[in-house]
Amino acid sequence: MIRVLQSDISGHYLPTLHRRKRKSNFPVANTSPPFFSFSVIDLKSDQYFMGEAMRQAQRAYLANEVPVGAVIVRDSHIIARSHNQVETLKDATAHAEMLALTQAESAMGDWRLTDCDLYVTKEPCPMCAGAIVHCRIRRVIYGCGDEKGGAAGGGFINLLQQPTLNHQSTVTEGVLAEESRHLLRTFFAEARTKTRTSGAN
């Protein structure tokens, strides 16, 4: 289900989720992320750009990072794309959204991204939501919600639309939510299996 806050969209993207069977003895590095095929109808739709964010999330999965990906779009063109790199960079702030915002600022030559939209596969956390507000992002479109730590309306707070702040973003939730949720669940299930396996040795 896709819910739009403040605005409405029409989707023209038909995702199909293919679940690959995995071996019970998982390798140290993730080498076979869940595969998603997409039947694209509208290359300017929210579902298309979220599909590009999903590609970034799969890159994070392969790098043993929490599989979250993000892209930033201006005038129907992607100007920034990134994925979680917390472990790779040894930086707690290296979330997909933060890295994508920095890329977009560099591409635009300005920290104000007032005519840009951010697509991210999981609801932004408070840190990322704060950065999104400061950058004046016009719209935020995310896949699955985060009830415990989300800060975009699906979790415990909505920092993106706080009337006391100097900017509010339009928020659309639930775009390719099932695909995003499945990738995250697969990642954490494998992480738990690796922990149990290493503990038994």
C-alpha atoms as a PDB file:
ATOM      1  CA  MET A   1       0.000   0.000   0.000  1.00  0.00           C
ATOM      2  CA  ILE A   2       1.309   3.439  -0.919  1.00  0.00           C
ATOM      3  CA  ARG A   3       0.282   6.371   1.228  1.00  0.00           C
ATOM      4  CA  VAL A   4       0.955   9.941   0.175  1.00  0.00           C
ATOM      5  CA  LEU A   5       1.112  12.790   2.650  1.00  0.00           C
ATOM      6  CA  GLN A   6       0.236  16.243   1.217  1.00  0.00           C
ATOM      7  CA  SER A   7       0.215  15.126  -2.404  1.00  0.00           C
ATOM      8  CA  ASP A   8      -0.939  12.299  -4.678  1.00  0.00           C
ATOM      9  CA  ILE A   9       0.802  10.283  -7.399  1.00  0.00           C
ATOM     10  CA  SER A  10      -0.090   7.625  -9.932  1.00  0.00           C
ATOM     11  CA  GLY A  11       2.166   4.589 -10.166  1.00  0.00           C
ATOM     12  CA  HIS A  12       3.147   2.979 -13.442  1.00  0.00           C
ATOM     13  CA  TYR A  13       5.617   0.380 -12.240  1.00  0.00           C
ATOM     14  CA  LEU A  14       4.976  -3.314 -11.917  1.00  0.00           C
ATOM     15  CA  PRO A  15       7.543  -4.949  -9.620  1.00  0.00           C
ATOM     16  CA  THR A  16       7.866  -8.696  -9.307  1.00  0.00           C
ATOM     17  CA  LEU A  17       9.728 -10.231  -6.404  1.00  0.00           C
ATOM     18  CA  HIS A  18      11.767 -13.362  -7.039  1.00  0.00           C
ATOM     19  CA  ARG A  19      12.935 -15.117  -3.898  1.00  0.00           C
ATOM     20  CA  ARG A  20      16.090 -17.125  -4.432  1.00  0.00           C
ATOM     21  CA  LYS A  21      16.760 -20.143  -2.264  1.00  0.00           C
ATOM     22  CA  ARG A  22      19.886 -19.708  -0.187  1.00  0.00           C
ATOM     23  CA  LYS A  23      22.210 -22.329   1.241  1.00  0.00           C
ATOM     24  CA  SER A  24      21.981 -22.797   4.990  1.00  0.00           C
ATOM     25  CA  ASN A  25      25.769 -22.355   5.371  1.00  0.00           C
ATOM     26  CA  PHE A  26      26.148 -18.665   4.564  1.00  0.00           C
ATOM     27  CA  PRO A  27      29.515 -17.276   3.407  1.00  0.00           C
ATOM     28  CA  VAL A  28      31.340 -14.474   5.201  1.00  0.00           C
ATOM     29  CA  ALA A  29      30.381 -12.015   2.473  1.00  0.00           C
ATOM     30  CA  ASN A  30      26.954 -11.765   0.931  1.00  0.00           C
ATOM     31  CA  THR A  31      27.244 -12.878  -2.686  1.00  0.00           C
ATOM     32  CA  SER A  32      23.676 -13.499  -3.816  1.00  0.00           C
ATOM     33  CA  PRO A  33      21.196 -10.763  -2.916  1.00  0.00           C
ATOM     34  CA  PRO A  34      17.483 -11.320  -3.464  1.00  0.00           C
ATOM     35  CA  PHE A  35      16.786 -10.674  -7.135  1.00  0.00           C
ATOM     36  CA  PHE A  36      14.102  -8.259  -8.250  1.00  0.00           C
ATOM     37  CA  SER A  37      12.835  -7.807 -11.791  1.00  0.00           C
ATOM     38  CA  PHE A  38      10.843  -4.752 -12.749  1.00  0.00           C
ATOM     39  CA  SER A  39       8.506  -4.149 -15.673  1.00  0.00           C
ATOM     40  CA  VAL A  40       9.029  -0.467 -16.318  1.00  0.00           C
ATOM     41  CA  ILE A  41       6.251   1.521 -17.944  1.00  0.00           C
ATOM     42  CA  ASP A  42       7.055   5.090 -16.924  1.00  0.00           C
ATOM     43  CA  LEU A  43      10.725   6.023 -16.566  1.00  0.00           C
ATOM     44  CA  LYS A  44       9.711   9.125 -14.621  1.00  0.00           C
ATOM     45  CA  SER A  45       7.526   7.363 -12.060  1.00  0.00           C
ATOM     46  CA  ASP A  46       8.226   7.045  -8.357  1.00  0.00           C
ATOM     47  CA  GLN A  47       8.446   3.286  -8.775  1.00  0.00           C
ATOM     48  CA  TYR A  48      11.187   3.597 -11.385  1.00  0.00           C
ATOM     49  CA  PHE A  49      13.357   5.828  -9.222  1.00  0.00           C
ATOM     50  CA  MET A  50      12.716   3.639  -6.182  1.00  0.00           C
ATOM     51  CA  GLY A  51      13.887   0.719  -8.311  1.00  0.00           C
ATOM     52  CA  GLU A  52      17.165   2.582  -8.791  1.00  0.00           C
ATOM     53  CA  ALA A  53      17.381   3.068  -5.033  1.00  0.00           C
ATOM     54  CA  MET A  54      16.810  -0.687  -4.650  1.00  0.00           C
ATOM     55  CA  ARG A  55      19.829  -1.310  -6.873  1.00  0.00           C
ATOM     56  CA  GLN A  56      21.874   0.736  -4.437  1.00  0.00           C
ATOM     57  CA  ALA A  57      20.440  -1.237  -1.528  1.00  0.00           C
ATOM     58  CA  GLN A  58      21.561  -4.456  -3.203  1.00  0.00           C
ATOM     59  CA  ARG A  59      25.081  -3.028  -3.468  1.00  0.00           C
ATOM     60  CA  ALA A  60      25.002  -2.441   0.274  1.00  0.00           C
ATOM     61  CA  TYR A  61      23.829  -6.030   0.790  1.00  0.00           C
ATOM     62  CA  LEU A  62      26.786  -7.367  -1.185  1.00  0.00           C
ATOM     63  CA  ALA A  63      29.144  -5.278   0.950  1.00  0.00           C
ATOM     64  CA  ASN A  64      27.661  -6.639   4.199  1.00  0.00           C
ATOM     65  CA  GLU A  65      26.113  -3.259   4.945  1.00  0.00           C
ATOM     66  CA  VAL A  66      22.519  -2.798   6.095  1.00  0.00           C
ATOM     67  CA  PRO A  67      20.804  -2.820   2.680  1.00  0.00           C
ATOM     68  CA  VAL A  68      19.413   0.679   2.288  1.00  0.00           C
ATOM     69  CA  GLY A  69      19.829   2.680  -0.904  1.00  0.00           C
ATOM     70  CA  ALA A  70      18.960   6.211  -1.953  1.00  0.00           C
ATOM     71  CA  VAL A  71      18.851   8.366  -5.065  1.00  0.00           C
ATOM     72  CA  ILE A  72      18.162  12.080  -5.478  1.00  0.00           C
ATOM     73  CA  VAL A  73      16.253  13.286  -8.514  1.00  0.00           C
ATOM     74  CA  ARG A  74      16.001  16.726 -10.124  1.00  0.00           C
ATOM     75  CA  ASP A  75      13.947  17.369 -13.251  1.00  0.00           C
ATOM     76  CA  SER A  76      13.457  13.598 -13.723  1.00  0.00           C
ATOM     77  CA  HIS A  77      17.221  12.972 -13.717  1.00  0.00           C
ATOM     78  CA  ILE A  78      19.206  11.218 -11.004  1.00  0.00           C
ATOM     79  CA  ILE A  79      21.901  13.558  -9.705  1.00  0.00           C
ATOM     80  CA  ALA A  80      23.069  11.440  -6.750  1.00  0.00           C
ATOM     81  CA  ARG A  81      22.934   7.817  -5.683  1.00  0.00           C
ATOM     82  CA  SER A  82      24.373   5.987  -2.714  1.00  0.00           C
ATOM     83  CA  HIS A  83      23.929   3.192  -0.199  1.00  0.00           C
ATOM     84  CA  ASN A  84      24.792   2.553   3.426  1.00  0.00           C
ATOM     85  CA  GLN A  85      28.561   2.528   4.000  1.00  0.00           C
ATOM     86  CA  VAL A  86      28.770   2.677   7.787  1.00  0.00           C
ATOM     87  CA  GLU A  87      31.002  -0.394   8.105  1.00  0.00           C
ATOM     88  CA  THR A  88      33.017   0.343   4.974  1.00  0.00           C
ATOM     89  CA  LEU A  89      33.868   3.904   5.994  1.00  0.00           C
ATOM     90  CA  LYS A  90      33.801   3.242   9.759  1.00  0.00           C
ATOM     91  CA  ASP A  91      31.487   6.229  10.016  1.00  0.00           C
ATOM     92  CA  ALA A  92      28.214   6.079  11.944  1.00  0.00           C
ATOM     93  CA  THR A  93      26.809   8.936   9.840  1.00  0.00           C
ATOM     94  CA  ALA A  94      27.436   7.224   6.481  1.00  0.00           C
ATOM     95  CA  HIS A  95      23.795   6.390   5.828  1.00  0.00           C
ATOM     96  CA  ALA A  96      22.544   6.204   2.259  1.00  0.00           C
ATOM     97  CA  GLU A  97      20.593   9.460   2.586  1.00  0.00           C
ATOM     98  CA  MET A  98      23.499  11.410   4.090  1.00  0.00           C
ATOM     99  CA  LEU A  99      25.920  10.335   1.381  1.00  0.00           C
ATOM    100  CA  ALA A 100      23.399  11.040  -1.369  1.00  0.00           C
ATOM    101  CA  LEU A 101      22.694  14.513   0.018  1.00  0.00           C
ATOM    102  CA  THR A 102      26.408  15.334  -0.010  1.00  0.00           C
ATOM    103  CA  GLN A 103      26.684  14.135  -3.612  1.00  0.00           C
ATOM    104  CA  ALA A 104      23.677  16.202  -4.655  1.00  0.00           C
ATOM    105  CA  GLU A 105      25.037  19.328  -2.971  1.00  0.00           C
ATOM    106  CA  SER A 106      28.275  18.879  -4.893  1.00  0.00           C
ATOM    107  CA  ALA A 107      26.416  18.323  -8.165  1.00  0.00           C
ATOM    108  CA  MET A 108      24.229  21.392  -7.631  1.00  0.00           C
ATOM    109  CA  GLY A 109      26.943  23.600  -6.187  1.00  0.00           C
ATOM    110  CA  ASP A 110      24.572  24.536  -3.380  1.00  0.00           C
ATOM    111  CA  TRP A 111      23.398  23.070  -0.096  1.00  0.00           C
ATOM    112  CA  ARG A 112      19.831  24.092  -0.905  1.00  0.00           C
ATOM    113  CA  LEU A 113      18.116  21.251  -2.766  1.00  0.00           C
ATOM    114  CA  THR A 114      14.675  22.844  -2.943  1.00  0.00           C
ATOM    115  CA  ASP A 115      13.735  21.367  -6.325  1.00  0.00           C
ATOM    116  CA  CYS A 116      15.042  17.869  -5.616  1.00  0.00           C
ATOM    117  CA  ASP A 117      13.300  14.662  -4.532  1.00  0.00           C
ATOM    118  CA  LEU A 118      14.907  11.939  -2.419  1.00  0.00           C
ATOM    119  CA  TYR A 119      14.033   8.259  -2.857  1.00  0.00           C
ATOM    120  CA  VAL A 120      15.171   5.873  -0.132  1.00  0.00           C
ATOM    121  CA  THR A 121      14.293   2.230   0.392  1.00  0.00           C
ATOM    122  CA  LYS A 122      13.688   2.552   4.156  1.00  0.00           C
ATOM    123  CA  GLU A 123      12.147   5.339   6.194  1.00  0.00           C
ATOM    124  CA  PRO A 124      14.812   7.891   7.195  1.00  0.00           C
ATOM    125  CA  CYS A 125      16.105   7.941  10.760  1.00  0.00           C
ATOM    126  CA  PRO A 126      16.113  11.152  12.856  1.00  0.00           C
ATOM    127  CA  MET A 127      19.659  12.033  11.774  1.00  0.00           C
ATOM    128  CA  CYS A 128      18.851  11.715   8.087  1.00  0.00           C
ATOM    129  CA  ALA A 129      15.486  13.425   8.458  1.00  0.00           C
ATOM    130  CA  GLY A 130      17.201  16.395  10.076  1.00  0.00           C
ATOM    131  CA  ALA A 131      19.681  16.642   7.208  1.00  0.00           C
ATOM    132  CA  ILE A 132      16.843  16.375   4.685  1.00  0.00           C
ATOM    133  CA  VAL A 133      15.069  19.318   6.305  1.00  0.00           C
ATOM    134  CA  HIS A 134      18.251  21.401   6.372  1.00  0.00           C
ATOM    135  CA  CYS A 135      18.837  20.691   2.672  1.00  0.00           C
ATOM    136  CA  ARG A 136      15.258  21.750   1.856  1.00  0.00           C
ATOM    137  CA  ILE A 137      14.427  18.556  -0.049  1.00  0.00           C
ATOM    138  CA  ARG A 138      11.068  18.991  -1.793  1.00  0.00           C
ATOM    139  CA  ARG A 139       9.760  15.409  -1.598  1.00  0.00           C
ATOM    140  CA  VAL A 140      10.809  12.294   0.270  1.00  0.00           C
ATOM    141  CA  ILE A 141       9.643   8.948  -1.086  1.00  0.00           C
ATOM    142  CA  TYR A 142      10.490   5.851   0.920  1.00  0.00           C
ATOM    143  CA  GLY A 143       9.831   2.131   0.702  1.00  0.00           C
ATOM    144  CA  CYS A 144       9.211   0.342   3.982  1.00  0.00           C
ATOM    145  CA  GLY A 145       8.557   2.090   7.265  1.00  0.00           C
ATOM    146  CA  ASP A 146      10.579   1.822  10.459  1.00  0.00           C
ATOM    147  CA  GLU A 147       8.241   1.694  13.454  1.00  0.00           C
ATOM    148  CA  LYS A 148      11.041   1.815  16.019  1.00  0.00           C
ATOM    149  CA  GLY A 149      13.389   4.398  14.521  1.00  0.00           C
ATOM    150  CA  GLY A 150      11.619   6.092  11.628  1.00  0.00           C
ATOM    151  CA  ALA A 151      11.335   9.879  11.536  1.00  0.00           C
ATOM    152  CA  ALA A 152       9.186  10.451   8.448  1.00  0.00           C
ATOM    153  CA  GLY A 153       5.715   9.602   9.688  1.00  0.00           C
ATOM    154  CA  GLY A 154       5.865   5.814   9.739  1.00  0.00           C
ATOM    155  CA  GLY A 155       7.797   5.594  12.990  1.00  0.00           C
ATOM    156  CA  PHE A 156       7.680   7.390  16.306  1.00  0.00           C
ATOM    157  CA  ILE A 157       8.015  10.918  14.882  1.00  0.00           C
ATOM    158  CA  ASN A 158       7.686  12.913  11.665  1.00  0.00           C
ATOM    159  CA  LEU A 159      10.525  15.422  11.531  1.00  0.00           C
ATOM    160  CA  LEU A 160       9.975  16.054   7.835  1.00  0.00           C
ATOM    161  CA  GLN A 161       6.682  17.810   8.432  1.00  0.00           C
ATOM    162  CA  GLN A 162       7.174  19.534  11.771  1.00  0.00           C
ATOM    163  CA  PRO A 163       5.379  22.902  11.605  1.00  0.00           C
ATOM    164  CA  THR A 164       7.915  24.461  13.982  1.00  0.00           C
ATOM    165  CA  LEU A 165      10.803  23.847  11.558  1.00  0.00           C
ATOM    166  CA  ASN A 166      11.653  26.175   8.687  1.00  0.00           C
ATOM    167  CA  HIS A 167      10.994  23.566   5.988  1.00  0.00           C
ATOM    168  CA  GLN A 168       8.568  20.706   5.425  1.00  0.00           C
ATOM    169  CA  SER A 169       8.841  18.017   2.753  1.00  0.00           C
ATOM    170  CA  THR A 170       6.024  16.193   1.037  1.00  0.00           C
ATOM    171  CA  VAL A 171       6.233  12.527   2.060  1.00  0.00           C
ATOM    172  CA  THR A 172       5.196   9.451   0.081  1.00  0.00           C
ATOM    173  CA  GLU A 173       5.535   6.078   1.764  1.00  0.00           C
ATOM    174  CA  GLY A 174       5.161   2.468   0.641  1.00  0.00           C
ATOM    175  CA  VAL A 175       6.761   2.542  -2.828  1.00  0.00           C
ATOM    176  CA  LEU A 176       8.265  -0.946  -3.412  1.00  0.00           C
ATOM    177  CA  ALA A 177       7.846  -1.521   0.316  1.00  0.00           C
ATOM    178  CA  GLU A 178       7.635  -5.315   0.032  1.00  0.00           C
ATOM    179  CA  GLU A 179      10.877  -5.538  -1.930  1.00  0.00           C
ATOM    180  CA  SER A 180      12.704  -3.275   0.502  1.00  0.00           C
ATOM    181  CA  ARG A 181      11.363  -5.105   3.545  1.00  0.00           C
ATOM    182  CA  HIS A 182      12.293  -8.505   2.091  1.00  0.00           C
ATOM    183  CA  LEU A 183      15.865  -7.416   1.417  1.00  0.00           C
ATOM    184  CA  LEU A 184      16.257  -6.090   4.957  1.00  0.00           C
ATOM    185  CA  ARG A 185      14.745  -9.205   6.522  1.00  0.00           C
ATOM    186  CA  THR A 186      16.999 -11.443   4.436  1.00  0.00           C
ATOM    187  CA  PHE A 187      20.062  -9.485   5.508  1.00  0.00           C
ATOM    188  CA  PHE A 188      19.271  -9.604   9.219  1.00  0.00           C
ATOM    189  CA  ALA A 189      18.235 -13.270   9.103  1.00  0.00           C
ATOM    190  CA  GLU A 190      21.590 -14.131   7.549  1.00  0.00           C
ATOM    191  CA  ALA A 191      23.411 -11.976  10.091  1.00  0.00           C
ATOM    192  CA  ARG A 192      21.741 -13.885  12.929  1.00  0.00           C
ATOM    193  CA  THR A 193      22.635 -17.208  11.303  1.00  0.00           C
ATOM    194  CA  LYS A 194      26.280 -16.157  10.950  1.00  0.00           C
ATOM    195  CA  THR A 195      26.344 -15.116  14.604  1.00  0.00           C
ATOM    196  CA  ARG A 196      24.938 -18.469  15.748  1.00  0.00           C
ATOM    197  CA  THR A 197      27.344 -20.371  13.495  1.00  0.00           C
ATOM    198  CA  SER A 198      30.405 -18.473  14.706  1.00  0.00           C
ATOM    199  CA  GLY A 199      29.287 -18.872  18.319  1.00  0.00           C
ATOM    200  CA  ALA A 200      29.010 -22.637  17.930  1.00  0.00           C
ATOM    201  CA  ASN A 201      32.587 -22.961  16.627  1.00  0.00           C
END
